[in-house]
Amino acid sequence: MHGAVNCASIGCPALRPEAFTATRLDAQLEDGMQRFMGDRTRNRVSNGKAEVSSIFKWFREDFEKGQRGWSRVEDMLASYAAQLSDKPEEQAALKARSLPVVHLDYDWSLNGVGR
């Protein structure tokens, strides 16, 4: 849900161009998470660190409940290594869970204001 729910701030995941539907919900949520993890303004590997949205700090417990086999945020980051980096060595480090995780400042300004 955290990769798909939008709070209208710039730091949030991007708003979907379609409504959620019961028949496609799982696929839509996964697509939202892939798009959010692939948005390098919000999540990325840089300077030998996984630099990720503060959402993963604030809602850490939600990513550590065993869903999809994740017991740590680092497990979730490993699942999205290809979205977080184009470099094979960085993807390997994410999959090995060997990169330190830092949380980026969250941009609370409203989407579309002054644009």
N, C-alpha and C. Protein backbone atom coordinates (compact mmCIF):
# COMPACT_ATOMS: atom_id res chain seq x y z
N MET A 1 0.81 -1.21 0.00
CA MET A 1 0.00 0.00 0.00
C MET A 1 0.85 1.27 0.00
N HIS A 2 2.01 1.20 0.68
CA HIS A 2 2.82 2.42 0.79
C HIS A 2 3.41 2.86 -0.55
N GLY A 3 3.49 1.96 -1.51
CA GLY A 3 3.99 2.33 -2.82
C GLY A 3 2.91 2.84 -3.75
N ALA A 4 1.67 2.83 -3.27
CA ALA A 4 0.56 3.20 -4.14
C ALA A 4 -0.31 4.32 -3.58
N VAL A 5 -0.38 4.42 -2.28
CA VAL A 5 -1.24 5.43 -1.65
C VAL A 5 -0.56 6.79 -1.79
N ASN A 6 -1.35 7.79 -2.15
CA ASN A 6 -0.80 9.10 -2.41
C ASN A 6 -1.36 10.12 -1.44
N CYS A 7 -0.45 10.90 -0.83
CA CYS A 7 -0.87 11.92 0.13
C CYS A 7 -0.83 13.32 -0.49
N ALA A 8 -0.59 13.41 -1.78
CA ALA A 8 -0.57 14.67 -2.54
C ALA A 8 0.68 15.50 -2.31
N SER A 9 1.68 14.96 -1.63
CA SER A 9 2.94 15.70 -1.51
C SER A 9 3.94 15.15 -2.54
N ILE A 10 4.95 15.93 -2.82
CA ILE A 10 5.95 15.53 -3.81
C ILE A 10 6.71 14.29 -3.34
N GLY A 11 6.88 14.10 -2.04
CA GLY A 11 7.58 12.94 -1.52
C GLY A 11 6.83 11.64 -1.64
N CYS A 12 5.55 11.71 -1.93
CA CYS A 12 4.71 10.50 -2.04
C CYS A 12 4.99 9.76 -3.34
N PRO A 13 4.59 8.49 -3.39
CA PRO A 13 4.62 7.78 -4.68
C PRO A 13 3.75 8.52 -5.69
N ALA A 14 4.06 8.35 -6.95
CA ALA A 14 3.29 9.01 -8.01
C ALA A 14 1.85 8.50 -8.04
N LEU A 15 0.96 9.37 -8.36
CA LEU A 15 -0.45 9.03 -8.49
C LEU A 15 -0.66 8.16 -9.72
N ARG A 16 -1.44 7.11 -9.58
CA ARG A 16 -1.73 6.22 -10.72
C ARG A 16 -2.60 6.93 -11.75
N PRO A 17 -2.43 6.60 -13.01
CA PRO A 17 -3.26 7.21 -14.06
C PRO A 17 -4.60 6.48 -14.23
N GLU A 18 -4.92 5.57 -13.31
CA GLU A 18 -6.17 4.80 -13.40
C GLU A 18 -6.67 4.49 -12.00
N ALA A 19 -7.91 4.13 -11.90
CA ALA A 19 -8.49 3.74 -10.61
C ALA A 19 -8.07 2.32 -10.25
N PHE A 20 -7.97 2.06 -8.95
CA PHE A 20 -7.72 0.70 -8.50
C PHE A 20 -9.00 -0.11 -8.70
N THR A 21 -8.84 -1.37 -9.11
CA THR A 21 -9.98 -2.25 -9.29
C THR A 21 -9.72 -3.56 -8.54
N ALA A 22 -10.77 -4.20 -8.09
CA ALA A 22 -10.63 -5.44 -7.33
C ALA A 22 -9.93 -6.53 -8.14
N THR A 23 -10.24 -6.63 -9.40
CA THR A 23 -9.67 -7.70 -10.22
C THR A 23 -8.19 -7.49 -10.52
N ARG A 24 -7.72 -6.26 -10.47
CA ARG A 24 -6.32 -5.97 -10.80
C ARG A 24 -5.52 -5.42 -9.62
N LEU A 25 -6.09 -5.44 -8.44
CA LEU A 25 -5.47 -4.76 -7.30
C LEU A 25 -4.05 -5.23 -7.02
N ASP A 26 -3.82 -6.52 -6.94
CA ASP A 26 -2.46 -7.00 -6.64
C ASP A 26 -1.46 -6.52 -7.68
N ALA A 27 -1.82 -6.62 -8.95
CA ALA A 27 -0.92 -6.18 -10.03
C ALA A 27 -0.72 -4.67 -9.97
N GLN A 28 -1.76 -3.92 -9.67
CA GLN A 28 -1.64 -2.47 -9.59
C GLN A 28 -0.76 -2.05 -8.41
N LEU A 29 -0.90 -2.72 -7.27
CA LEU A 29 -0.07 -2.40 -6.11
C LEU A 29 1.40 -2.72 -6.40
N GLU A 30 1.66 -3.85 -7.03
CA GLU A 30 3.04 -4.21 -7.38
C GLU A 30 3.61 -3.22 -8.39
N ASP A 31 2.82 -2.83 -9.37
CA ASP A 31 3.27 -1.84 -10.35
C ASP A 31 3.59 -0.52 -9.64
N GLY A 32 2.75 -0.12 -8.71
CA GLY A 32 3.00 1.11 -7.96
C GLY A 32 4.30 1.04 -7.18
N MET A 33 4.55 -0.09 -6.57
CA MET A 33 5.78 -0.26 -5.80
C MET A 33 6.99 -0.24 -6.73
N GLN A 34 6.90 -0.90 -7.87
CA GLN A 34 8.02 -0.89 -8.82
C GLN A 34 8.30 0.53 -9.33
N ARG A 35 7.23 1.26 -9.63
CA ARG A 35 7.42 2.64 -10.11
C ARG A 35 8.01 3.52 -9.00
N PHE A 36 7.54 3.35 -7.76
CA PHE A 36 8.05 4.13 -6.64
C PHE A 36 9.53 3.81 -6.40
N MET A 37 9.88 2.53 -6.39
CA MET A 37 11.26 2.14 -6.14
C MET A 37 12.17 2.56 -7.30
N GLY A 38 11.62 2.65 -8.51
CA GLY A 38 12.40 3.06 -9.67
C GLY A 38 12.51 4.56 -9.83
N ASP A 39 11.83 5.32 -9.00
CA ASP A 39 11.89 6.79 -9.07
C ASP A 39 13.14 7.24 -8.31
N ARG A 40 14.18 7.54 -9.03
CA ARG A 40 15.47 7.84 -8.41
C ARG A 40 15.50 9.17 -7.66
N THR A 41 14.44 9.96 -7.76
CA THR A 41 14.37 11.16 -6.93
C THR A 41 13.92 10.78 -5.51
N ARG A 42 13.34 9.59 -5.37
CA ARG A 42 12.82 9.16 -4.07
C ARG A 42 13.57 7.96 -3.48
N ASN A 43 14.17 7.13 -4.33
CA ASN A 43 14.88 5.91 -3.91
C ASN A 43 15.99 5.63 -4.89
N ARG A 44 17.19 5.31 -4.36
CA ARG A 44 18.32 5.09 -5.26
C ARG A 44 19.50 4.51 -4.46
N VAL A 45 20.51 4.09 -5.20
CA VAL A 45 21.80 3.76 -4.62
C VAL A 45 22.74 4.89 -5.02
N SER A 46 23.44 5.43 -4.03
CA SER A 46 24.37 6.52 -4.30
C SER A 46 25.45 6.52 -3.22
N ASN A 47 26.67 6.75 -3.63
CA ASN A 47 27.78 6.83 -2.68
C ASN A 47 27.88 5.62 -1.77
N GLY A 48 27.62 4.45 -2.32
CA GLY A 48 27.74 3.22 -1.54
C GLY A 48 26.66 3.00 -0.51
N LYS A 49 25.53 3.69 -0.67
CA LYS A 49 24.42 3.57 0.27
C LYS A 49 23.10 3.42 -0.47
N ALA A 50 22.16 2.74 0.16
CA ALA A 50 20.79 2.73 -0.33
C ALA A 50 20.13 3.96 0.28
N GLU A 51 19.84 4.94 -0.56
CA GLU A 51 19.19 6.17 -0.12
C GLU A 51 17.71 6.05 -0.49
N VAL A 52 16.87 5.93 0.54
CA VAL A 52 15.46 5.63 0.30
C VAL A 52 14.55 6.62 1.02
N SER A 53 13.32 6.62 0.59
CA SER A 53 12.30 7.49 1.15
C SER A 53 12.15 7.29 2.66
N SER A 54 11.82 8.34 3.34
CA SER A 54 11.55 8.25 4.78
C SER A 54 10.34 7.37 5.08
N ILE A 55 9.53 7.09 4.08
CA ILE A 55 8.40 6.16 4.26
C ILE A 55 8.90 4.84 4.84
N PHE A 56 10.10 4.42 4.43
CA PHE A 56 10.63 3.15 4.91
C PHE A 56 11.16 3.23 6.33
N LYS A 57 11.34 4.41 6.85
CA LYS A 57 11.68 4.59 8.27
C LYS A 57 10.38 4.67 9.08
N TRP A 58 9.47 5.52 8.64
CA TRP A 58 8.22 5.73 9.39
C TRP A 58 7.37 4.48 9.47
N PHE A 59 7.35 3.70 8.40
CA PHE A 59 6.49 2.51 8.34
C PHE A 59 7.32 1.23 8.26
N ARG A 60 8.51 1.25 8.83
CA ARG A 60 9.44 0.11 8.78
C ARG A 60 8.74 -1.19 9.15
N GLU A 61 7.97 -1.18 10.21
CA GLU A 61 7.30 -2.40 10.68
C GLU A 61 6.41 -3.02 9.60
N ASP A 62 5.81 -2.19 8.77
CA ASP A 62 4.94 -2.71 7.71
C ASP A 62 5.72 -3.53 6.68
N PHE A 63 7.00 -3.26 6.55
CA PHE A 63 7.83 -3.98 5.58
C PHE A 63 8.57 -5.15 6.23
N GLU A 64 8.31 -5.37 7.52
CA GLU A 64 9.03 -6.41 8.26
C GLU A 64 8.08 -7.46 8.84
N LYS A 65 6.91 -7.59 8.25
CA LYS A 65 5.89 -8.50 8.78
C LYS A 65 5.90 -9.86 8.12
N GLY A 66 6.86 -10.13 7.26
CA GLY A 66 6.95 -11.44 6.62
C GLY A 66 6.26 -11.54 5.27
N GLN A 67 5.53 -10.49 4.87
CA GLN A 67 4.90 -10.51 3.55
C GLN A 67 5.98 -10.65 2.49
N ARG A 68 5.74 -11.54 1.54
CA ARG A 68 6.68 -11.79 0.44
C ARG A 68 8.05 -12.26 0.95
N GLY A 69 8.09 -12.75 2.18
CA GLY A 69 9.34 -13.25 2.74
C GLY A 69 10.24 -12.16 3.31
N TRP A 70 9.73 -10.94 3.41
CA TRP A 70 10.54 -9.84 3.93
C TRP A 70 10.43 -9.79 5.45
N SER A 71 11.57 -9.85 6.13
CA SER A 71 11.57 -9.67 7.57
C SER A 71 12.34 -8.41 7.96
N ARG A 72 12.96 -7.79 6.95
CA ARG A 72 13.68 -6.53 7.15
C ARG A 72 13.47 -5.64 5.92
N VAL A 73 13.61 -4.35 6.11
CA VAL A 73 13.51 -3.43 4.97
C VAL A 73 14.56 -3.80 3.92
N GLU A 74 15.71 -4.24 4.36
CA GLU A 74 16.77 -4.62 3.43
C GLU A 74 16.33 -5.76 2.51
N ASP A 75 15.46 -6.65 3.01
CA ASP A 75 14.92 -7.72 2.16
C ASP A 75 14.08 -7.14 1.03
N MET A 76 13.26 -6.14 1.38
CA MET A 76 12.43 -5.49 0.38
C MET A 76 13.30 -4.77 -0.65
N LEU A 77 14.35 -4.08 -0.18
CA LEU A 77 15.25 -3.38 -1.10
C LEU A 77 15.93 -4.37 -2.04
N ALA A 78 16.28 -5.54 -1.53
CA ALA A 78 16.90 -6.58 -2.37
C ALA A 78 15.95 -7.00 -3.49
N SER A 79 14.66 -7.05 -3.19
CA SER A 79 13.66 -7.44 -4.19
C SER A 79 13.55 -6.43 -5.33
N TYR A 80 13.89 -5.18 -5.04
CA TYR A 80 13.77 -4.11 -6.03
C TYR A 80 15.14 -3.57 -6.45
N ALA A 81 16.16 -4.42 -6.37
CA ALA A 81 17.52 -3.99 -6.71
C ALA A 81 17.60 -3.41 -8.13
N ALA A 82 16.91 -4.02 -9.08
CA ALA A 82 16.96 -3.55 -10.47
C ALA A 82 16.31 -2.18 -10.63
N GLN A 83 15.35 -1.86 -9.78
CA GLN A 83 14.71 -0.55 -9.86
C GLN A 83 15.58 0.53 -9.19
N LEU A 84 16.33 0.14 -8.18
CA LEU A 84 17.13 1.10 -7.42
C LEU A 84 18.45 1.47 -8.08
N SER A 85 18.95 0.60 -8.95
CA SER A 85 20.25 0.87 -9.59
C SER A 85 20.34 0.15 -10.93
N ASP A 86 21.07 0.75 -11.85
CA ASP A 86 21.35 0.12 -13.14
C ASP A 86 22.68 -0.63 -13.12
N LYS A 87 23.47 -0.43 -12.07
CA LYS A 87 24.80 -1.02 -12.00
C LYS A 87 24.75 -2.41 -11.36
N PRO A 88 25.26 -3.42 -12.07
CA PRO A 88 25.23 -4.79 -11.54
C PRO A 88 25.88 -4.94 -10.15
N GLU A 89 26.97 -4.21 -9.91
CA GLU A 89 27.64 -4.33 -8.61
C GLU A 89 26.79 -3.75 -7.48
N GLU A 90 26.06 -2.68 -7.75
CA GLU A 90 25.16 -2.11 -6.74
C GLU A 90 23.96 -3.02 -6.52
N GLN A 91 23.44 -3.59 -7.60
CA GLN A 91 22.33 -4.53 -7.46
C GLN A 91 22.76 -5.74 -6.63
N ALA A 92 23.98 -6.23 -6.87
CA ALA A 92 24.49 -7.37 -6.11
C ALA A 92 24.64 -7.01 -4.63
N ALA A 93 25.11 -5.81 -4.34
CA ALA A 93 25.26 -5.37 -2.95
C ALA A 93 23.89 -5.26 -2.27
N LEU A 94 22.88 -4.77 -3.00
CA LEU A 94 21.53 -4.73 -2.45
C LEU A 94 21.02 -6.13 -2.16
N LYS A 95 21.24 -7.04 -3.09
CA LYS A 95 20.77 -8.42 -2.91
C LYS A 95 21.50 -9.11 -1.76
N ALA A 96 22.75 -8.72 -1.51
CA ALA A 96 23.53 -9.26 -0.40
C ALA A 96 23.20 -8.56 0.92
N ARG A 97 22.38 -7.51 0.82
CA ARG A 97 21.98 -6.72 1.99
C ARG A 97 23.20 -6.11 2.71
N SER A 98 24.17 -5.70 1.89
CA SER A 98 25.42 -5.18 2.46
C SER A 98 25.55 -3.66 2.40
N LEU A 99 24.57 -2.98 1.82
CA LEU A 99 24.64 -1.52 1.76
C LEU A 99 23.96 -0.91 2.99
N PRO A 100 24.58 0.12 3.56
CA PRO A 100 23.87 0.83 4.62
C PRO A 100 22.65 1.54 4.04
N VAL A 101 21.61 1.66 4.84
CA VAL A 101 20.37 2.31 4.41
C VAL A 101 20.28 3.67 5.09
N VAL A 102 20.10 4.72 4.27
CA VAL A 102 19.87 6.06 4.80
C VAL A 102 18.54 6.55 4.25
N HIS A 103 17.88 7.37 5.03
CA HIS A 103 16.56 7.87 4.65
C HIS A 103 16.66 9.32 4.18
N LEU A 104 16.11 9.56 3.02
CA LEU A 104 16.15 10.89 2.42
C LEU A 104 15.15 11.82 3.10
N ASP A 105 15.42 13.11 3.03
CA ASP A 105 14.46 14.09 3.51
C ASP A 105 13.18 13.97 2.69
N TYR A 106 12.07 14.11 3.33
CA TYR A 106 10.77 13.98 2.68
C TYR A 106 10.30 15.34 2.23
N ASP A 107 9.84 15.43 1.00
CA ASP A 107 9.35 16.70 0.46
C ASP A 107 7.83 16.77 0.67
N TRP A 108 7.44 17.60 1.64
CA TRP A 108 6.01 17.74 1.98
C TRP A 108 5.28 18.77 1.13
N SER A 109 5.98 19.45 0.22
CA SER A 109 5.28 20.43 -0.60
C SER A 109 4.28 19.72 -1.51
N LEU A 110 3.23 20.41 -1.87
CA LEU A 110 2.15 19.81 -2.62
C LEU A 110 2.52 19.60 -4.08
N ASN A 111 2.09 18.48 -4.62
CA ASN A 111 2.25 18.19 -6.05
C ASN A 111 1.53 19.24 -6.87
N GLY A 112 2.16 19.68 -7.93
CA GLY A 112 1.50 20.55 -8.89
C GLY A 112 1.37 22.01 -8.48
N VAL A 113 1.77 22.38 -7.28
CA VAL A 113 1.65 23.77 -6.85
C VAL A 113 2.77 24.57 -7.51
N GLY A 114 2.40 25.60 -8.21
CA GLY A 114 3.39 26.46 -8.86
C GLY A 114 4.06 25.82 -10.06
N ARG A 115 3.44 24.81 -10.63
CA ARG A 115 4.06 24.14 -11.79
C ARG A 115 3.24 24.39 -13.02
